[in-house]
Amino acid sequence: MRITFRVEEQLLRRARLRAKAMGNTLNDLFRDHLTKLATGEIEPYPPRPKLPSPNDKADSTPEGR
């Protein structure tokens, strides 16, 4: 199965170089991490706080009114 996601080009380039220095491919490292996550060998990261969306509207009424 193929997975597609977006990542900054510089980050991808650095990750590939690091994987190669470890004697692996980035694909191998992703597969290993997903396997460990799926089998419970590692715990998932805690959820990240939700960033405000441009569609979220802040309360525009001034306090005290």
PDB file of N, CA and C in Angstrom:
ATOM      1  N   MET A   1       0.850  -1.163   0.000  1.00  0.00           N
ATOM      2  CA  MET A   1       0.000   0.000   0.000  1.00  0.00           C
ATOM      3  C   MET A   1       0.902   1.234   0.000  1.00  0.00           C
ATOM      4  N   ARG A   2       0.486   2.242  -0.687  1.00  0.00           N
ATOM      5  CA  ARG A   2       1.230   3.500  -0.722  1.00  0.00           C
ATOM      6  C   ARG A   2       0.551   4.515   0.187  1.00  0.00           C
ATOM      7  N   ILE A   3       1.372   5.320   0.844  1.00  0.00           N
ATOM      8  CA  ILE A   3       0.882   6.395   1.695  1.00  0.00           C
ATOM      9  C   ILE A   3       1.485   7.698   1.168  1.00  0.00           C
ATOM     10  N   THR A   4       0.669   8.710   1.060  1.00  0.00           N
ATOM     11  CA  THR A   4       1.136  10.001   0.589  1.00  0.00           C
ATOM     12  C   THR A   4       0.903  11.036   1.684  1.00  0.00           C
ATOM     13  N   PHE A   5       1.895  11.858   1.924  1.00  0.00           N
ATOM     14  CA  PHE A   5       1.742  12.953   2.863  1.00  0.00           C
ATOM     15  C   PHE A   5       2.646  14.094   2.436  1.00  0.00           C
ATOM     16  N   ARG A   6       2.409  15.254   3.007  1.00  0.00           N
ATOM     17  CA  ARG A   6       3.192  16.444   2.659  1.00  0.00           C
ATOM     18  C   ARG A   6       4.225  16.708   3.744  1.00  0.00           C
ATOM     19  N   VAL A   7       5.424  17.071   3.292  1.00  0.00           N
ATOM     20  CA  VAL A   7       6.497  17.408   4.212  1.00  0.00           C
ATOM     21  C   VAL A   7       7.422  18.384   3.498  1.00  0.00           C
ATOM     22  N   GLU A   8       8.066  19.242   4.264  1.00  0.00           N
ATOM     23  CA  GLU A   8       8.988  20.190   3.653  1.00  0.00           C
ATOM     24  C   GLU A   8      10.136  19.436   2.995  1.00  0.00           C
ATOM     25  N   GLU A   9      10.544  19.920   1.821  1.00  0.00           N
ATOM     26  CA  GLU A   9      11.590  19.254   1.046  1.00  0.00           C
ATOM     27  C   GLU A   9      12.896  19.134   1.834  1.00  0.00           C
ATOM     28  N   GLN A  10      13.265  20.186   2.542  1.00  0.00           N
ATOM     29  CA  GLN A  10      14.506  20.180   3.323  1.00  0.00           C
ATOM     30  C   GLN A  10      14.455  19.098   4.409  1.00  0.00           C
ATOM     31  N   LEU A  11      13.322  18.959   5.076  1.00  0.00           N
ATOM     32  CA  LEU A  11      13.163  17.947   6.109  1.00  0.00           C
ATOM     33  C   LEU A  11      13.292  16.550   5.513  1.00  0.00           C
ATOM     34  N   LEU A  12      12.660  16.328   4.390  1.00  0.00           N
ATOM     35  CA  LEU A  12      12.738  15.036   3.723  1.00  0.00           C
ATOM     36  C   LEU A  12      14.172  14.716   3.307  1.00  0.00           C
ATOM     37  N   ARG A  13      14.854  15.684   2.764  1.00  0.00           N
ATOM     38  CA  ARG A  13      16.248  15.488   2.338  1.00  0.00           C
ATOM     39  C   ARG A  13      17.133  15.104   3.529  1.00  0.00           C
ATOM     40  N   ARG A  14      16.977  15.829   4.634  1.00  0.00           N
ATOM     41  CA  ARG A  14      17.779  15.528   5.824  1.00  0.00           C
ATOM     42  C   ARG A  14      17.445  14.157   6.403  1.00  0.00           C
ATOM     43  N   ALA A  15      16.169  13.804   6.404  1.00  0.00           N
ATOM     44  CA  ALA A  15      15.762  12.496   6.925  1.00  0.00           C
ATOM     45  C   ALA A  15      16.319  11.369   6.069  1.00  0.00           C
ATOM     46  N   ARG A  16      16.304  11.539   4.762  1.00  0.00           N
ATOM     47  CA  ARG A  16      16.872  10.508   3.875  1.00  0.00           C
ATOM     48  C   ARG A  16      18.364  10.335   4.116  1.00  0.00           C
ATOM     49  N   LEU A  17      19.076  11.449   4.273  1.00  0.00           N
ATOM     50  CA  LEU A  17      20.510  11.369   4.542  1.00  0.00           C
ATOM     51  C   LEU A  17      20.790  10.671   5.875  1.00  0.00           C
ATOM     52  N   ARG A  18      19.985  10.991   6.868  1.00  0.00           N
ATOM     53  CA  ARG A  18      20.157  10.352   8.183  1.00  0.00           C
ATOM     54  C   ARG A  18      19.871   8.856   8.103  1.00  0.00           C
ATOM     55  N   ALA A  19      18.820   8.477   7.395  1.00  0.00           N
ATOM     56  CA  ALA A  19      18.487   7.060   7.232  1.00  0.00           C
ATOM     57  C   ALA A  19      19.624   6.332   6.509  1.00  0.00           C
ATOM     58  N   LYS A  20      20.143   6.958   5.466  1.00  0.00           N
ATOM     59  CA  LYS A  20      21.239   6.345   4.704  1.00  0.00           C
ATOM     60  C   LYS A  20      22.471   6.152   5.589  1.00  0.00           C
ATOM     61  N   ALA A  21      22.773   7.138   6.427  1.00  0.00           N
ATOM     62  CA  ALA A  21      23.912   7.031   7.336  1.00  0.00           C
ATOM     63  C   ALA A  21      23.724   5.889   8.330  1.00  0.00           C
ATOM     64  N   MET A  22      22.465   5.551   8.611  1.00  0.00           N
ATOM     65  CA  MET A  22      22.157   4.448   9.525  1.00  0.00           C
ATOM     66  C   MET A  22      22.111   3.113   8.798  1.00  0.00           C
ATOM     67  N   GLY A  23      22.315   3.149   7.468  1.00  0.00           N
ATOM     68  CA  GLY A  23      22.266   1.911   6.683  1.00  0.00           C
ATOM     69  C   GLY A  23      20.861   1.466   6.346  1.00  0.00           C
ATOM     70  N   ASN A  24      19.931   2.413   6.315  1.00  0.00           N
ATOM     71  CA  ASN A  24      18.528   2.113   6.027  1.00  0.00           C
ATOM     72  C   ASN A  24      18.010   3.038   4.944  1.00  0.00           C
ATOM     73  N   THR A  25      16.796   2.757   4.525  1.00  0.00           N
ATOM     74  CA  THR A  25      16.070   3.697   3.679  1.00  0.00           C
ATOM     75  C   THR A  25      15.016   4.348   4.559  1.00  0.00           C
ATOM     76  N   LEU A  26      14.543   5.495   4.139  1.00  0.00           N
ATOM     77  CA  LEU A  26      13.487   6.160   4.879  1.00  0.00           C
ATOM     78  C   LEU A  26      12.234   5.284   4.910  1.00  0.00           C
ATOM     79  N   ASN A  27      11.966   4.603   3.820  1.00  0.00           N
ATOM     80  CA  ASN A  27      10.824   3.697   3.754  1.00  0.00           C
ATOM     81  C   ASN A  27      10.935   2.598   4.817  1.00  0.00           C
ATOM     82  N   ASP A  28      12.141   2.034   4.984  1.00  0.00           N
ATOM     83  CA  ASP A  28      12.346   0.998   6.004  1.00  0.00           C
ATOM     84  C   ASP A  28      12.081   1.543   7.399  1.00  0.00           C
ATOM     85  N   LEU A  29      12.548   2.762   7.657  1.00  0.00           N
ATOM     86  CA  LEU A  29      12.345   3.351   8.985  1.00  0.00           C
ATOM     87  C   LEU A  29      10.870   3.641   9.255  1.00  0.00           C
ATOM     88  N   PHE A  30      10.146   4.134   8.260  1.00  0.00           N
ATOM     89  CA  PHE A  30       8.702   4.352   8.411  1.00  0.00           C
ATOM     90  C   PHE A  30       7.989   3.028   8.687  1.00  0.00           C
ATOM     91  N   ARG A  31       8.302   2.029   7.907  1.00  0.00           N
ATOM     92  CA  ARG A  31       7.658   0.725   8.068  1.00  0.00           C
ATOM     93  C   ARG A  31       7.913   0.170   9.469  1.00  0.00           C
ATOM     94  N   ASP A  32       9.176   0.277   9.938  1.00  0.00           N
ATOM     95  CA  ASP A  32       9.522  -0.217  11.266  1.00  0.00           C
ATOM     96  C   ASP A  32       8.752   0.548  12.344  1.00  0.00           C
ATOM     97  N   HIS A  33       8.693   1.857  12.212  1.00  0.00           N
ATOM     98  CA  HIS A  33       7.980   2.662  13.204  1.00  0.00           C
ATOM     99  C   HIS A  33       6.483   2.326  13.211  1.00  0.00           C
ATOM    100  N   LEU A  34       5.877   2.210  12.046  1.00  0.00           N
ATOM    101  CA  LEU A  34       4.449   1.879  11.984  1.00  0.00           C
ATOM    102  C   LEU A  34       4.166   0.501  12.568  1.00  0.00           C
ATOM    103  N   THR A  35       5.053  -0.443  12.320  1.00  0.00           N
ATOM    104  CA  THR A  35       4.890  -1.789  12.876  1.00  0.00           C
ATOM    105  C   THR A  35       4.937  -1.747  14.396  1.00  0.00           C
ATOM    106  N   LYS A  36       5.913  -1.029  14.941  1.00  0.00           N
ATOM    107  CA  LYS A  36       6.030  -0.920  16.393  1.00  0.00           C
ATOM    108  C   LYS A  36       4.828  -0.205  16.998  1.00  0.00           C
ATOM    109  N   LEU A  37       4.336   0.816  16.331  1.00  0.00           N
ATOM    110  CA  LEU A  37       3.161   1.533  16.802  1.00  0.00           C
ATOM    111  C   LEU A  37       1.925   0.629  16.785  1.00  0.00           C
ATOM    112  N   ALA A  38       1.755  -0.110  15.694  1.00  0.00           N
ATOM    113  CA  ALA A  38       0.579  -0.978  15.543  1.00  0.00           C
ATOM    114  C   ALA A  38       0.589  -2.151  16.522  1.00  0.00           C
ATOM    115  N   THR A  39       1.771  -2.654  16.867  1.00  0.00           N
ATOM    116  CA  THR A  39       1.862  -3.808  17.765  1.00  0.00           C
ATOM    117  C   THR A  39       1.934  -3.419  19.228  1.00  0.00           C
ATOM    118  N   GLY A  40       1.973  -2.110  19.510  1.00  0.00           N
ATOM    119  CA  GLY A  40       2.036  -1.655  20.891  1.00  0.00           C
ATOM    120  C   GLY A  40       3.437  -1.665  21.470  1.00  0.00           C
ATOM    121  N   GLU A  41       4.437  -1.924  20.639  1.00  0.00           N
ATOM    122  CA  GLU A  41       5.818  -1.927  21.109  1.00  0.00           C
ATOM    123  C   GLU A  41       6.257  -0.527  21.539  1.00  0.00           C
ATOM    124  N   ILE A  42       5.664   0.495  20.927  1.00  0.00           N
ATOM    125  CA  ILE A  42       5.879   1.874  21.341  1.00  0.00           C
ATOM    126  C   ILE A  42       4.522   2.523  21.531  1.00  0.00           C
ATOM    127  N   GLU A  43       4.483   3.522  22.361  1.00  0.00           N
ATOM    128  CA  GLU A  43       3.239   4.240  22.617  1.00  0.00           C
ATOM    129  C   GLU A  43       3.087   5.382  21.614  1.00  0.00           C
ATOM    130  N   PRO A  44       1.861   5.684  21.233  1.00  0.00           N
ATOM    131  CA  PRO A  44       1.654   6.828  20.341  1.00  0.00           C
ATOM    132  C   PRO A  44       2.044   8.117  21.045  1.00  0.00           C
ATOM    133  N   TYR A  45       2.396   9.098  20.258  1.00  0.00           N
ATOM    134  CA  TYR A  45       2.698  10.410  20.821  1.00  0.00           C
ATOM    135  C   TYR A  45       1.426  10.993  21.392  1.00  0.00           C
ATOM    136  N   PRO A  46       1.544  11.826  22.433  1.00  0.00           N
ATOM    137  CA  PRO A  46       0.324  12.476  22.939  1.00  0.00           C
ATOM    138  C   PRO A  46      -0.244  13.402  21.880  1.00  0.00           C
ATOM    139  N   PRO A  47      -1.552  13.619  21.899  1.00  0.00           N
ATOM    140  CA  PRO A  47      -2.157  14.496  20.887  1.00  0.00           C
ATOM    141  C   PRO A  47      -1.566  15.902  20.960  1.00  0.00           C
ATOM    142  N   ARG A  48      -1.401  16.495  19.810  1.00  0.00           N
ATOM    143  CA  ARG A  48      -0.917  17.880  19.749  1.00  0.00           C
ATOM    144  C   ARG A  48      -2.092  18.809  19.972  1.00  0.00           C
ATOM    145  N   PRO A  49      -1.826  19.960  20.593  1.00  0.00           N
ATOM    146  CA  PRO A  49      -2.927  20.916  20.751  1.00  0.00           C
ATOM    147  C   PRO A  49      -3.423  21.377  19.395  1.00  0.00           C
ATOM    148  N   LYS A  50      -4.724  21.559  19.287  1.00  0.00           N
ATOM    149  CA  LYS A  50      -5.310  21.998  18.024  1.00  0.00           C
ATOM    150  C   LYS A  50      -4.960  23.458  17.781  1.00  0.00           C
ATOM    151  N   LEU A  51      -4.411  23.729  16.608  1.00  0.00           N
ATOM    152  CA  LEU A  51      -4.113  25.106  16.231  1.00  0.00           C
ATOM    153  C   LEU A  51      -5.380  25.770  15.733  1.00  0.00           C
ATOM    154  N   PRO A  52      -5.551  27.060  16.022  1.00  0.00           N
ATOM    155  CA  PRO A  52      -6.760  27.732  15.533  1.00  0.00           C
ATOM    156  C   PRO A  52      -6.797  27.750  14.012  1.00  0.00           C
ATOM    157  N   SER A  53      -7.952  27.530  13.490  1.00  0.00           N
ATOM    158  CA  SER A  53      -8.172  27.545  12.053  1.00  0.00           C
ATOM    159  C   SER A  53      -8.511  28.963  11.623  1.00  0.00           C
ATOM    160  N   PRO A  54      -8.168  29.330  10.385  1.00  0.00           N
ATOM    161  CA  PRO A  54      -8.580  30.656   9.905  1.00  0.00           C
ATOM    162  C   PRO A  54     -10.104  30.822   9.938  1.00  0.00           C
ATOM    163  N   ASN A  55     -10.828  29.697   9.938  1.00  0.00           N
ATOM    164  CA  ASN A  55     -12.292  29.758   9.968  1.00  0.00           C
ATOM    165  C   ASN A  55     -12.834  29.960  11.381  1.00  0.00           C
ATOM    166  N   ASP A  56     -11.975  29.723  12.413  1.00  0.00           N
ATOM    167  CA  ASP A  56     -12.408  29.933  13.785  1.00  0.00           C
ATOM    168  C   ASP A  56     -12.527  31.432  14.027  1.00  0.00           C
ATOM    169  N   LYS A  57     -13.632  31.846  14.593  1.00  0.00           N
ATOM    170  CA  LYS A  57     -13.827  33.263  14.856  1.00  0.00           C
ATOM    171  C   LYS A  57     -13.633  33.517  16.350  1.00  0.00           C
ATOM    172  N   ALA A  58     -12.783  34.453  16.652  1.00  0.00           N
ATOM    173  CA  ALA A  58     -12.591  34.852  18.047  1.00  0.00           C
ATOM    174  C   ALA A  58     -13.789  35.680  18.483  1.00  0.00           C
ATOM    175  N   ASP A  59     -14.043  35.660  19.764  1.00  0.00           N
ATOM    176  CA  ASP A  59     -15.137  36.476  20.295  1.00  0.00           C
ATOM    177  C   ASP A  59     -14.777  37.935  20.081  1.00  0.00           C
ATOM    178  N   SER A  60     -15.502  38.598  19.225  1.00  0.00           N
ATOM    179  CA  SER A  60     -15.179  39.979  18.871  1.00  0.00           C
ATOM    180  C   SER A  60     -15.884  40.998  19.735  1.00  0.00           C
ATOM    181  N   THR A  61     -16.721  40.548  20.706  1.00  0.00           N
ATOM    182  CA  THR A  61     -17.397  41.519  21.548  1.00  0.00           C
ATOM    183  C   THR A  61     -16.457  41.932  22.674  1.00  0.00           C
ATOM    184  N   PRO A  62     -16.289  43.233  22.863  1.00  0.00           N
ATOM    185  CA  PRO A  62     -15.413  43.693  23.937  1.00  0.00           C
ATOM    186  C   PRO A  62     -15.965  43.282  25.287  1.00  0.00           C
ATOM    187  N   GLU A  63     -15.085  43.012  26.230  1.00  0.00           N
ATOM    188  CA  GLU A  63     -15.525  42.625  27.568  1.00  0.00           C
ATOM    189  C   GLU A  63     -16.279  43.777  28.223  1.00  0.00           C
ATOM    190  N   GLY A  64     -17.278  43.437  29.011  1.00  0.00           N
ATOM    191  CA  GLY A  64     -18.045  44.450  29.719  1.00  0.00           C
ATOM    192  C   GLY A  64     -19.230  44.969  28.941  1.00  0.00           C
ATOM    193  N   ARG A  65     -19.460  44.488  27.744  1.00  0.00           N
ATOM    194  CA  ARG A  65     -20.628  44.961  27.001  1.00  0.00           C
ATOM    195  C   ARG A  65     -21.713  43.940  27.052  1.00  0.00           C
TER     196      ARG A  65
END
